[in-house]
Amino acid sequence: MIITSLEYLPGMTVQRHLGLVQGSSVRSKHAGRDIMAGLKSIFGGELVGYTELLHESREEAVERLIQQAKSIEANAILNVRFSTSSIASGAAEIFVYGAAVQVANES
């Protein structure tokens, strides 16, 4: 599966547009991570626990995006974008979306 933030793929032609595909992941903060984040906010530095949490969420959301695209026989997802939002106190959503297409090499 080709995934890109570009609107087109150099050297390839979009044969068919299959529609919007999306994936999301909602995660909540862990109490242990909150304690460490509170300490880090005093001394400064990267909040590694939160960085890891967001990385895991992005990976899960992208995997769901890919599965949806595969289910409609896409071989590429173009114009991919990420969005985040707060769902509730201590919980956030990572949302990824893009255009599912079938592409082929230019002849």
PDB file of N, CA and C in Angstrom:
ATOM      1  N   MET A   1       0.858  -1.178   0.000  1.00  0.00           N
ATOM      2  CA  MET A   1       0.000   0.000   0.000  1.00  0.00           C
ATOM      3  C   MET A   1       0.898   1.233   0.000  1.00  0.00           C
ATOM      4  N   ILE A   2       0.668   2.105  -0.940  1.00  0.00           N
ATOM      5  CA  ILE A   2       1.391   3.380  -0.998  1.00  0.00           C
ATOM      6  C   ILE A   2       0.572   4.406  -0.224  1.00  0.00           C
ATOM      7  N   ILE A   3       1.231   5.084   0.712  1.00  0.00           N
ATOM      8  CA  ILE A   3       0.560   6.113   1.508  1.00  0.00           C
ATOM      9  C   ILE A   3       1.384   7.384   1.390  1.00  0.00           C
ATOM     10  N   THR A   4       0.734   8.484   1.004  1.00  0.00           N
ATOM     11  CA  THR A   4       1.461   9.740   0.826  1.00  0.00           C
ATOM     12  C   THR A   4       0.589  10.944   1.148  1.00  0.00           C
ATOM     13  N   SER A   5       1.241  12.027   1.526  1.00  0.00           N
ATOM     14  CA  SER A   5       0.527  13.286   1.729  1.00  0.00           C
ATOM     15  C   SER A   5       0.409  14.066   0.418  1.00  0.00           C
ATOM     16  N   LEU A   6       1.050  13.554  -0.649  1.00  0.00           N
ATOM     17  CA  LEU A   6       0.954  14.196  -1.958  1.00  0.00           C
ATOM     18  C   LEU A   6      -0.435  13.985  -2.557  1.00  0.00           C
ATOM     19  N   GLU A   7      -0.821  14.868  -3.468  1.00  0.00           N
ATOM     20  CA  GLU A   7      -2.104  14.728  -4.154  1.00  0.00           C
ATOM     21  C   GLU A   7      -2.002  13.820  -5.372  1.00  0.00           C
ATOM     22  N   TYR A   8      -0.775  13.489  -5.756  1.00  0.00           N
ATOM     23  CA  TYR A   8      -0.534  12.592  -6.892  1.00  0.00           C
ATOM     24  C   TYR A   8       0.775  11.864  -6.637  1.00  0.00           C
ATOM     25  N   LEU A   9       1.043  10.832  -7.419  1.00  0.00           N
ATOM     26  CA  LEU A   9       2.297  10.082  -7.310  1.00  0.00           C
ATOM     27  C   LEU A   9       3.086  10.260  -8.595  1.00  0.00           C
ATOM     28  N   PRO A  10       4.262  10.838  -8.519  1.00  0.00           N
ATOM     29  CA  PRO A  10       5.078  11.018  -9.725  1.00  0.00           C
ATOM     30  C   PRO A  10       5.324   9.679 -10.424  1.00  0.00           C
ATOM     31  N   GLY A  11       5.115   9.674 -11.732  1.00  0.00           N
ATOM     32  CA  GLY A  11       5.315   8.461 -12.522  1.00  0.00           C
ATOM     33  C   GLY A  11       4.154   7.483 -12.484  1.00  0.00           C
ATOM     34  N   MET A  12       3.080   7.849 -11.802  1.00  0.00           N
ATOM     35  CA  MET A  12       1.914   6.967 -11.712  1.00  0.00           C
ATOM     36  C   MET A  12       0.661   7.742 -12.087  1.00  0.00           C
ATOM     37  N   THR A  13      -0.329   7.010 -12.541  1.00  0.00           N
ATOM     38  CA  THR A  13      -1.608   7.596 -12.938  1.00  0.00           C
ATOM     39  C   THR A  13      -2.718   7.007 -12.073  1.00  0.00           C
ATOM     40  N   VAL A  14      -3.596   7.864 -11.606  1.00  0.00           N
ATOM     41  CA  VAL A  14      -4.760   7.387 -10.861  1.00  0.00           C
ATOM     42  C   VAL A  14      -5.720   6.774 -11.866  1.00  0.00           C
ATOM     43  N   GLN A  15      -5.978   5.503 -11.713  1.00  0.00           N
ATOM     44  CA  GLN A  15      -6.897   4.786 -12.593  1.00  0.00           C
ATOM     45  C   GLN A  15      -8.343   4.878 -12.109  1.00  0.00           C
ATOM     46  N   ARG A  16      -8.472   4.934 -10.776  1.00  0.00           N
ATOM     47  CA  ARG A  16      -9.819   4.924 -10.210  1.00  0.00           C
ATOM     48  C   ARG A  16      -9.790   5.535  -8.813  1.00  0.00           C
ATOM     49  N   HIS A  17     -10.726   6.433  -8.537  1.00  0.00           N
ATOM     50  CA  HIS A  17     -10.889   7.015  -7.212  1.00  0.00           C
ATOM     51  C   HIS A  17     -11.954   6.217  -6.480  1.00  0.00           C
ATOM     52  N   LEU A  18     -11.629   5.704  -5.300  1.00  0.00           N
ATOM     53  CA  LEU A  18     -12.543   4.829  -4.578  1.00  0.00           C
ATOM     54  C   LEU A  18     -13.234   5.495  -3.393  1.00  0.00           C
ATOM     55  N   GLY A  19     -12.821   6.704  -3.063  1.00  0.00           N
ATOM     56  CA  GLY A  19     -13.475   7.430  -1.985  1.00  0.00           C
ATOM     57  C   GLY A  19     -12.579   7.685  -0.790  1.00  0.00           C
ATOM     58  N   LEU A  20     -13.165   8.315   0.201  1.00  0.00           N
ATOM     59  CA  LEU A  20     -12.465   8.670   1.424  1.00  0.00           C
ATOM     60  C   LEU A  20     -12.324   7.442   2.319  1.00  0.00           C
ATOM     61  N   VAL A  21     -11.121   7.267   2.880  1.00  0.00           N
ATOM     62  CA  VAL A  21     -10.909   6.233   3.889  1.00  0.00           C
ATOM     63  C   VAL A  21     -10.368   6.925   5.140  1.00  0.00           C
ATOM     64  N   GLN A  22     -10.587   6.274   6.274  1.00  0.00           N
ATOM     65  CA  GLN A  22     -10.207   6.892   7.533  1.00  0.00           C
ATOM     66  C   GLN A  22      -9.843   5.840   8.571  1.00  0.00           C
ATOM     67  N   GLY A  23      -9.137   6.273   9.557  1.00  0.00           N
ATOM     68  CA  GLY A  23      -8.805   5.428  10.691  1.00  0.00           C
ATOM     69  C   GLY A  23      -8.661   6.320  11.907  1.00  0.00           C
ATOM     70  N   SER A  24      -8.997   5.782  13.072  1.00  0.00           N
ATOM     71  CA  SER A  24      -8.849   6.585  14.283  1.00  0.00           C
ATOM     72  C   SER A  24      -8.487   5.704  15.464  1.00  0.00           C
ATOM     73  N   SER A  25      -7.982   6.352  16.482  1.00  0.00           N
ATOM     74  CA  SER A  25      -7.643   5.684  17.734  1.00  0.00           C
ATOM     75  C   SER A  25      -7.883   6.677  18.857  1.00  0.00           C
ATOM     76  N   VAL A  26      -8.583   6.230  19.877  1.00  0.00           N
ATOM     77  CA  VAL A  26      -8.825   7.067  21.050  1.00  0.00           C
ATOM     78  C   VAL A  26      -8.081   6.425  22.212  1.00  0.00           C
ATOM     79  N   ARG A  27      -7.247   7.203  22.849  1.00  0.00           N
ATOM     80  CA  ARG A  27      -6.444   6.699  23.964  1.00  0.00           C
ATOM     81  C   ARG A  27      -6.602   7.614  25.166  1.00  0.00           C
ATOM     82  N   SER A  28      -6.475   7.017  26.327  1.00  0.00           N
ATOM     83  CA  SER A  28      -6.490   7.820  27.550  1.00  0.00           C
ATOM     84  C   SER A  28      -5.109   7.794  28.181  1.00  0.00           C
ATOM     85  N   LYS A  29      -4.857   8.800  28.978  1.00  0.00           N
ATOM     86  CA  LYS A  29      -3.582   8.898  29.677  1.00  0.00           C
ATOM     87  C   LYS A  29      -3.528   7.868  30.796  1.00  0.00           C
ATOM     88  N   HIS A  30      -2.349   7.434  31.103  1.00  0.00           N
ATOM     89  CA  HIS A  30      -2.084   6.484  32.173  1.00  0.00           C
ATOM     90  C   HIS A  30      -1.667   7.273  33.414  1.00  0.00           C
ATOM     91  N   ALA A  31      -2.150   6.896  34.574  1.00  0.00           N
ATOM     92  CA  ALA A  31      -1.843   7.634  35.802  1.00  0.00           C
ATOM     93  C   ALA A  31      -0.336   7.761  36.027  1.00  0.00           C
ATOM     94  N   GLY A  32       0.399   6.705  35.759  1.00  0.00           N
ATOM     95  CA  GLY A  32       1.862   6.739  35.911  1.00  0.00           C
ATOM     96  C   GLY A  32       2.495   7.762  34.982  1.00  0.00           C
ATOM     97  N   ARG A  33       1.979   7.838  33.766  1.00  0.00           N
ATOM     98  CA  ARG A  33       2.491   8.823  32.808  1.00  0.00           C
ATOM     99  C   ARG A  33       2.167  10.240  33.273  1.00  0.00           C
ATOM    100  N   ASP A  34       0.989  10.418  33.867  1.00  0.00           N
ATOM    101  CA  ASP A  34       0.608  11.741  34.371  1.00  0.00           C
ATOM    102  C   ASP A  34       1.550  12.209  35.478  1.00  0.00           C
ATOM    103  N   ILE A  35       1.917  11.310  36.361  1.00  0.00           N
ATOM    104  CA  ILE A  35       2.828  11.667  37.461  1.00  0.00           C
ATOM    105  C   ILE A  35       4.180  12.087  36.892  1.00  0.00           C
ATOM    106  N   MET A  36       4.699  11.286  35.942  1.00  0.00           N
ATOM    107  CA  MET A  36       5.986  11.612  35.339  1.00  0.00           C
ATOM    108  C   MET A  36       5.909  12.912  34.542  1.00  0.00           C
ATOM    109  N   ALA A  37       4.790  13.131  33.871  1.00  0.00           N
ATOM    110  CA  ALA A  37       4.611  14.372  33.104  1.00  0.00           C
ATOM    111  C   ALA A  37       4.593  15.568  34.044  1.00  0.00           C
ATOM    112  N   GLY A  38       3.968  15.418  35.202  1.00  0.00           N
ATOM    113  CA  GLY A  38       3.942  16.496  36.179  1.00  0.00           C
ATOM    114  C   GLY A  38       5.337  16.845  36.657  1.00  0.00           C
ATOM    115  N   LEU A  39       6.156  15.824  36.887  1.00  0.00           N
ATOM    116  CA  LEU A  39       7.540  16.067  37.301  1.00  0.00           C
ATOM    117  C   LEU A  39       8.338  16.729  36.182  1.00  0.00           C
ATOM    118  N   LYS A  40       8.128  16.265  34.953  1.00  0.00           N
ATOM    119  CA  LYS A  40       8.841  16.848  33.804  1.00  0.00           C
ATOM    120  C   LYS A  40       8.468  18.308  33.613  1.00  0.00           C
ATOM    121  N   SER A  41       7.203  18.646  33.881  1.00  0.00           N
ATOM    122  CA  SER A  41       6.787  20.033  33.679  1.00  0.00           C
ATOM    123  C   SER A  41       7.509  20.980  34.641  1.00  0.00           C
ATOM    124  N   ILE A  42       7.950  20.451  35.769  1.00  0.00           N
ATOM    125  CA  ILE A  42       8.703  21.268  36.724  1.00  0.00           C
ATOM    126  C   ILE A  42      10.120  21.511  36.210  1.00  0.00           C
ATOM    127  N   PHE A  43      10.752  20.446  35.703  1.00  0.00           N
ATOM    128  CA  PHE A  43      12.156  20.517  35.294  1.00  0.00           C
ATOM    129  C   PHE A  43      12.345  20.764  33.799  1.00  0.00           C
ATOM    130  N   GLY A  44      11.305  20.557  33.020  1.00  0.00           N
ATOM    131  CA  GLY A  44      11.397  20.739  31.575  1.00  0.00           C
ATOM    132  C   GLY A  44      11.853  19.467  30.875  1.00  0.00           C
ATOM    133  N   GLY A  45      11.687  19.430  29.562  1.00  0.00           N
ATOM    134  CA  GLY A  45      12.104  18.281  28.777  1.00  0.00           C
ATOM    135  C   GLY A  45      10.930  17.601  28.106  1.00  0.00           C
ATOM    136  N   GLU A  46      11.265  16.626  27.287  1.00  0.00           N
ATOM    137  CA  GLU A  46      10.249  15.891  26.532  1.00  0.00           C
ATOM    138  C   GLU A  46       9.436  14.989  27.454  1.00  0.00           C
ATOM    139  N   LEU A  47       8.143  14.939  27.200  1.00  0.00           N
ATOM    140  CA  LEU A  47       7.253  14.042  27.931  1.00  0.00           C
ATOM    141  C   LEU A  47       7.222  12.719  27.174  1.00  0.00           C
ATOM    142  N   VAL A  48       8.211  11.881  27.436  1.00  0.00           N
ATOM    143  CA  VAL A  48       8.430  10.655  26.666  1.00  0.00           C
ATOM    144  C   VAL A  48       7.213   9.742  26.710  1.00  0.00           C
ATOM    145  N   GLY A  49       6.568   9.627  27.859  1.00  0.00           N
ATOM    146  CA  GLY A  49       5.388   8.769  27.977  1.00  0.00           C
ATOM    147  C   GLY A  49       4.281   9.197  27.031  1.00  0.00           C
ATOM    148  N   TYR A  50       4.065  10.505  26.911  1.00  0.00           N
ATOM    149  CA  TYR A  50       3.041  11.013  26.001  1.00  0.00           C
ATOM    150  C   TYR A  50       3.468  10.857  24.543  1.00  0.00           C
ATOM    151  N   THR A  51       4.747  11.046  24.283  1.00  0.00           N
ATOM    152  CA  THR A  51       5.260  10.852  22.923  1.00  0.00           C
ATOM    153  C   THR A  51       5.015   9.421  22.474  1.00  0.00           C
ATOM    154  N   GLU A  52       5.304   8.468  23.340  1.00  0.00           N
ATOM    155  CA  GLU A  52       5.079   7.056  23.028  1.00  0.00           C
ATOM    156  C   GLU A  52       3.591   6.771  22.829  1.00  0.00           C
ATOM    157  N   LEU A  53       2.759   7.357  23.676  1.00  0.00           N
ATOM    158  CA  LEU A  53       1.312   7.167  23.567  1.00  0.00           C
ATOM    159  C   LEU A  53       0.799   7.662  22.218  1.00  0.00           C
ATOM    160  N   LEU A  54       1.230   8.843  21.800  1.00  0.00           N
ATOM    161  CA  LEU A  54       0.794   9.394  20.516  1.00  0.00           C
ATOM    162  C   LEU A  54       1.332   8.572  19.351  1.00  0.00           C
ATOM    163  N   HIS A  55       2.571   8.092  19.472  1.00  0.00           N
ATOM    164  CA  HIS A  55       3.153   7.257  18.414  1.00  0.00           C
ATOM    165  C   HIS A  55       2.330   5.975  18.239  1.00  0.00           C
ATOM    166  N   GLU A  56       2.005   5.323  19.343  1.00  0.00           N
ATOM    167  CA  GLU A  56       1.191   4.101  19.290  1.00  0.00           C
ATOM    168  C   GLU A  56      -0.180   4.388  18.688  1.00  0.00           C
ATOM    169  N   SER A  57      -0.781   5.506  19.056  1.00  0.00           N
ATOM    170  CA  SER A  57      -2.091   5.881  18.521  1.00  0.00           C
ATOM    171  C   SER A  57      -2.027   6.121  17.021  1.00  0.00           C
ATOM    172  N   ARG A  58      -0.993   6.839  16.565  1.00  0.00           N
ATOM    173  CA  ARG A  58      -0.839   7.088  15.124  1.00  0.00           C
ATOM    174  C   ARG A  58      -0.686   5.779  14.360  1.00  0.00           C
ATOM    175  N   GLU A  59       0.138   4.878  14.870  1.00  0.00           N
ATOM    176  CA  GLU A  59       0.328   3.586  14.205  1.00  0.00           C
ATOM    177  C   GLU A  59      -0.989   2.817  14.102  1.00  0.00           C
ATOM    178  N   GLU A  60      -1.755   2.799  15.184  1.00  0.00           N
ATOM    179  CA  GLU A  60      -3.034   2.095  15.182  1.00  0.00           C
ATOM    180  C   GLU A  60      -4.016   2.738  14.198  1.00  0.00           C
ATOM    181  N   ALA A  61      -4.082   4.058  14.176  1.00  0.00           N
ATOM    182  CA  ALA A  61      -4.989   4.760  13.264  1.00  0.00           C
ATOM    183  C   ALA A  61      -4.599   4.502  11.811  1.00  0.00           C
ATOM    184  N   VAL A  62      -3.304   4.530  11.507  1.00  0.00           N
ATOM    185  CA  VAL A  62      -2.838   4.278  10.133  1.00  0.00           C
ATOM    186  C   VAL A  62      -3.152   2.842   9.730  1.00  0.00           C
ATOM    187  N   GLU A  63      -2.976   1.899  10.633  1.00  0.00           N
ATOM    188  CA  GLU A  63      -3.301   0.495  10.316  1.00  0.00           C
ATOM    189  C   GLU A  63      -4.783   0.343   9.983  1.00  0.00           C
ATOM    190  N   ARG A  64      -5.634   1.032  10.701  1.00  0.00           N
ATOM    191  CA  ARG A  64      -7.074   0.989  10.414  1.00  0.00           C
ATOM    192  C   ARG A  64      -7.385   1.658   9.075  1.00  0.00           C
ATOM    193  N   LEU A  65      -6.682   2.728   8.761  1.00  0.00           N
ATOM    194  CA  LEU A  65      -6.816   3.396   7.463  1.00  0.00           C
ATOM    195  C   LEU A  65      -6.463   2.417   6.333  1.00  0.00           C
ATOM    196  N   ILE A  66      -5.344   1.742   6.483  1.00  0.00           N
ATOM    197  CA  ILE A  66      -4.881   0.781   5.466  1.00  0.00           C
ATOM    198  C   ILE A  66      -5.886  -0.356   5.301  1.00  0.00           C
ATOM    199  N   GLN A  67      -6.386  -0.887   6.401  1.00  0.00           N
ATOM    200  CA  GLN A  67      -7.347  -1.987   6.315  1.00  0.00           C
ATOM    201  C   GLN A  67      -8.617  -1.563   5.576  1.00  0.00           C
ATOM    202  N   GLN A  68      -9.084  -0.341   5.840  1.00  0.00           N
ATOM    203  CA  GLN A  68     -10.278   0.135   5.140  1.00  0.00           C
ATOM    204  C   GLN A  68      -9.991   0.280   3.652  1.00  0.00           C
ATOM    205  N   ALA A  69      -8.818   0.797   3.298  1.00  0.00           N
ATOM    206  CA  ALA A  69      -8.456   0.967   1.892  1.00  0.00           C
ATOM    207  C   ALA A  69      -8.339  -0.389   1.190  1.00  0.00           C
ATOM    208  N   LYS A  70      -7.729  -1.355   1.854  1.00  0.00           N
ATOM    209  CA  LYS A  70      -7.604  -2.705   1.274  1.00  0.00           C
ATOM    210  C   LYS A  70      -8.977  -3.331   1.042  1.00  0.00           C
ATOM    211  N   SER A  71      -9.914  -3.060   1.948  1.00  0.00           N
ATOM    212  CA  SER A  71     -11.244  -3.662   1.830  1.00  0.00           C
ATOM    213  C   SER A  71     -12.002  -3.183   0.590  1.00  0.00           C
ATOM    214  N   ILE A  72     -11.599  -2.034   0.045  1.00  0.00           N
ATOM    215  CA  ILE A  72     -12.238  -1.540  -1.184  1.00  0.00           C
ATOM    216  C   ILE A  72     -11.284  -1.627  -2.374  1.00  0.00           C
ATOM    217  N   GLU A  73     -10.235  -2.441  -2.213  1.00  0.00           N
ATOM    218  CA  GLU A  73      -9.281  -2.775  -3.275  1.00  0.00           C
ATOM    219  C   GLU A  73      -8.431  -1.602  -3.759  1.00  0.00           C
ATOM    220  N   ALA A  74      -8.132  -0.686  -2.865  1.00  0.00           N
ATOM    221  CA  ALA A  74      -7.217   0.408  -3.197  1.00  0.00           C
ATOM    222  C   ALA A  74      -5.780  -0.107  -3.110  1.00  0.00           C
ATOM    223  N   ASN A  75      -4.895   0.487  -3.893  1.00  0.00           N
ATOM    224  CA  ASN A  75      -3.478   0.156  -3.759  1.00  0.00           C
ATOM    225  C   ASN A  75      -2.657   1.384  -3.365  1.00  0.00           C
ATOM    226  N   ALA A  76      -3.353   2.503  -3.128  1.00  0.00           N
ATOM    227  CA  ALA A  76      -2.680   3.715  -2.652  1.00  0.00           C
ATOM    228  C   ALA A  76      -3.687   4.601  -1.926  1.00  0.00           C
ATOM    229  N   ILE A  77      -3.144   5.428  -1.026  1.00  0.00           N
ATOM    230  CA  ILE A  77      -3.958   6.424  -0.332  1.00  0.00           C
ATOM    231  C   ILE A  77      -3.228   7.751  -0.495  1.00  0.00           C
ATOM    232  N   LEU A  78      -3.898   8.691  -1.132  1.00  0.00           N
ATOM    233  CA  LEU A  78      -3.308   9.991  -1.423  1.00  0.00           C
ATOM    234  C   LEU A  78      -3.833  11.062  -0.482  1.00  0.00           C
ATOM    235  N   ASN A  79      -3.074  12.169  -0.411  1.00  0.00           N
ATOM    236  CA  ASN A  79      -3.490  13.355   0.339  1.00  0.00           C
ATOM    237  C   ASN A  79      -3.820  13.031   1.799  1.00  0.00           C
ATOM    238  N   VAL A  80      -2.984  12.207   2.423  1.00  0.00           N
ATOM    239  CA  VAL A  80      -3.220  11.760   3.791  1.00  0.00           C
ATOM    240  C   VAL A  80      -2.988  12.910   4.776  1.00  0.00           C
ATOM    241  N   ARG A  81      -3.918  13.036   5.713  1.00  0.00           N
ATOM    242  CA  ARG A  81      -3.848  14.080   6.731  1.00  0.00           C
ATOM    243  C   ARG A  81      -4.151  13.477   8.101  1.00  0.00           C
ATOM    244  N   PHE A  82      -3.543  14.074   9.128  1.00  0.00           N
ATOM    245  CA  PHE A  82      -3.788  13.678  10.514  1.00  0.00           C
ATOM    246  C   PHE A  82      -4.488  14.810  11.246  1.00  0.00           C
ATOM    247  N   SER A  83      -5.298  14.427  12.209  1.00  0.00           N
ATOM    248  CA  SER A  83      -5.974  15.400  13.059  1.00  0.00           C
ATOM    249  C   SER A  83      -6.018  14.828  14.473  1.00  0.00           C
ATOM    250  N   THR A  84      -5.950  15.686  15.462  1.00  0.00           N
ATOM    251  CA  THR A  84      -6.101  15.251  16.848  1.00  0.00           C
ATOM    252  C   THR A  84      -7.181  16.085  17.504  1.00  0.00           C
ATOM    253  N   SER A  85      -7.831  15.485  18.479  1.00  0.00           N
ATOM    254  CA  SER A  85      -8.834  16.227  19.235  1.00  0.00           C
ATOM    255  C   SER A  85      -8.960  15.628  20.628  1.00  0.00           C
ATOM    256  N   SER A  86      -9.382  16.449  21.540  1.00  0.00           N
ATOM    257  CA  SER A  86      -9.628  16.002  22.904  1.00  0.00           C
ATOM    258  C   SER A  86     -11.054  15.468  22.966  1.00  0.00           C
ATOM    259  N   ILE A  87     -11.210  14.255  23.431  1.00  0.00           N
ATOM    260  CA  ILE A  87     -12.531  13.623  23.501  1.00  0.00           C
ATOM    261  C   ILE A  87     -13.160  13.855  24.877  1.00  0.00           C
ATOM    262  N   ALA A  88     -12.349  13.668  25.901  1.00  0.00           N
ATOM    263  CA  ALA A  88     -12.789  13.859  27.285  1.00  0.00           C
ATOM    264  C   ALA A  88     -11.559  14.217  28.101  1.00  0.00           C
ATOM    265  N   SER A  89     -11.747  14.535  29.337  1.00  0.00           N
ATOM    266  CA  SER A  89     -10.607  14.847  30.184  1.00  0.00           C
ATOM    267  C   SER A  89      -9.678  13.635  30.237  1.00  0.00           C
ATOM    268  N   GLY A  90      -8.469  13.821  29.749  1.00  0.00           N
ATOM    269  CA  GLY A  90      -7.494  12.732  29.775  1.00  0.00           C
ATOM    270  C   GLY A  90      -7.561  11.782  28.609  1.00  0.00           C
ATOM    271  N   ALA A  91      -8.398  12.040  27.607  1.00  0.00           N
ATOM    272  CA  ALA A  91      -8.497  11.162  26.443  1.00  0.00           C
ATOM    273  C   ALA A  91      -8.431  11.989  25.165  1.00  0.00           C
ATOM    274  N   ALA A  92      -7.709  11.448  24.185  1.00  0.00           N
ATOM    275  CA  ALA A  92      -7.556  12.156  22.910  1.00  0.00           C
ATOM    276  C   ALA A  92      -7.737  11.184  21.750  1.00  0.00           C
ATOM    277  N   GLU A  93      -8.158  11.737  20.611  1.00  0.00           N
ATOM    278  CA  GLU A  93      -8.339  10.947  19.391  1.00  0.00           C
ATOM    279  C   GLU A  93      -7.300  11.384  18.365  1.00  0.00           C
ATOM    280  N   ILE A  94      -6.714  10.397  17.715  1.00  0.00           N
ATOM    281  CA  ILE A  94      -5.890  10.632  16.529  1.00  0.00           C
ATOM    282  C   ILE A  94      -6.746  10.152  15.360  1.00  0.00           C
ATOM    283  N   PHE A  95      -6.928  10.997  14.379  1.00  0.00           N
ATOM    284  CA  PHE A  95      -7.761  10.694  13.217  1.00  0.00           C
ATOM    285  C   PHE A  95      -6.912  10.891  11.967  1.00  0.00           C
ATOM    286  N   VAL A  96      -6.917   9.910  11.083  1.00  0.00           N
ATOM    287  CA  VAL A  96      -6.166  10.003   9.835  1.00  0.00           C
ATOM    288  C   VAL A  96      -7.127   9.697   8.686  1.00  0.00           C
ATOM    289  N   TYR A  97      -6.977  10.436   7.591  1.00  0.00           N
ATOM    290  CA  TYR A  97      -7.875  10.229   6.462  1.00  0.00           C
ATOM    291  C   TYR A  97      -7.159  10.548   5.162  1.00  0.00           C
ATOM    292  N   GLY A  98      -7.697  10.016   4.074  1.00  0.00           N
ATOM    293  CA  GLY A  98      -7.116  10.271   2.765  1.00  0.00           C
ATOM    294  C   GLY A  98      -8.006   9.704   1.663  1.00  0.00           C
ATOM    295  N   ALA A  99      -7.559   9.887   0.428  1.00  0.00           N
ATOM    296  CA  ALA A  99      -8.312   9.430  -0.751  1.00  0.00           C
ATOM    297  C   ALA A  99      -7.786   8.076  -1.186  1.00  0.00           C
ATOM    298  N   ALA A 100      -8.644   7.062  -1.153  1.00  0.00           N
ATOM    299  CA  ALA A 100      -8.279   5.725  -1.603  1.00  0.00           C
ATOM    300  C   ALA A 100      -8.372   5.671  -3.119  1.00  0.00           C
ATOM    301  N   VAL A 101      -7.319   5.192  -3.755  1.00  0.00           N
ATOM    302  CA  VAL A 101      -7.271   5.133  -5.219  1.00  0.00           C
ATOM    303  C   VAL A 101      -6.621   3.848  -5.686  1.00  0.00           C
ATOM    304  N   GLN A 102      -6.809   3.576  -6.963  1.00  0.00           N
ATOM    305  CA  GLN A 102      -6.050   2.537  -7.641  1.00  0.00           C
ATOM    306  C   GLN A 102      -5.122   3.273  -8.617  1.00  0.00           C
ATOM    307  N   VAL A 103      -3.835   3.005  -8.497  1.00  0.00           N
ATOM    308  CA  VAL A 103      -2.858   3.654  -9.367  1.00  0.00           C
ATOM    309  C   VAL A 103      -2.118   2.612 -10.171  1.00  0.00           C
ATOM    310  N   ALA A 104      -1.539   3.074 -11.289  1.00  0.00           N
ATOM    311  CA  ALA A 104      -0.716   2.231 -12.141  1.00  0.00           C
ATOM    312  C   ALA A 104       0.440   3.067 -12.662  1.00  0.00           C
ATOM    313  N   ASN A 105       1.540   2.425 -13.015  1.00  0.00           N
ATOM    314  CA  ASN A 105       2.668   3.133 -13.614  1.00  0.00           C
ATOM    315  C   ASN A 105       2.234   3.744 -14.932  1.00  0.00           C
ATOM    316  N   GLU A 106       2.770   4.951 -15.209  1.00  0.00           N
ATOM    317  CA  GLU A 106       2.479   5.593 -16.486  1.00  0.00           C
ATOM    318  C   GLU A 106       3.135   4.772 -17.585  1.00  0.00           C
ATOM    319  N   SER A 107       2.435   4.657 -18.686  1.00  0.00           N
ATOM    320  CA  SER A 107       2.996   3.876 -19.815  1.00  0.00           C
ATOM    321  C   SER A 107       3.544   4.774 -20.885  1.00  0.00           C
TER     322      SER A 107
END
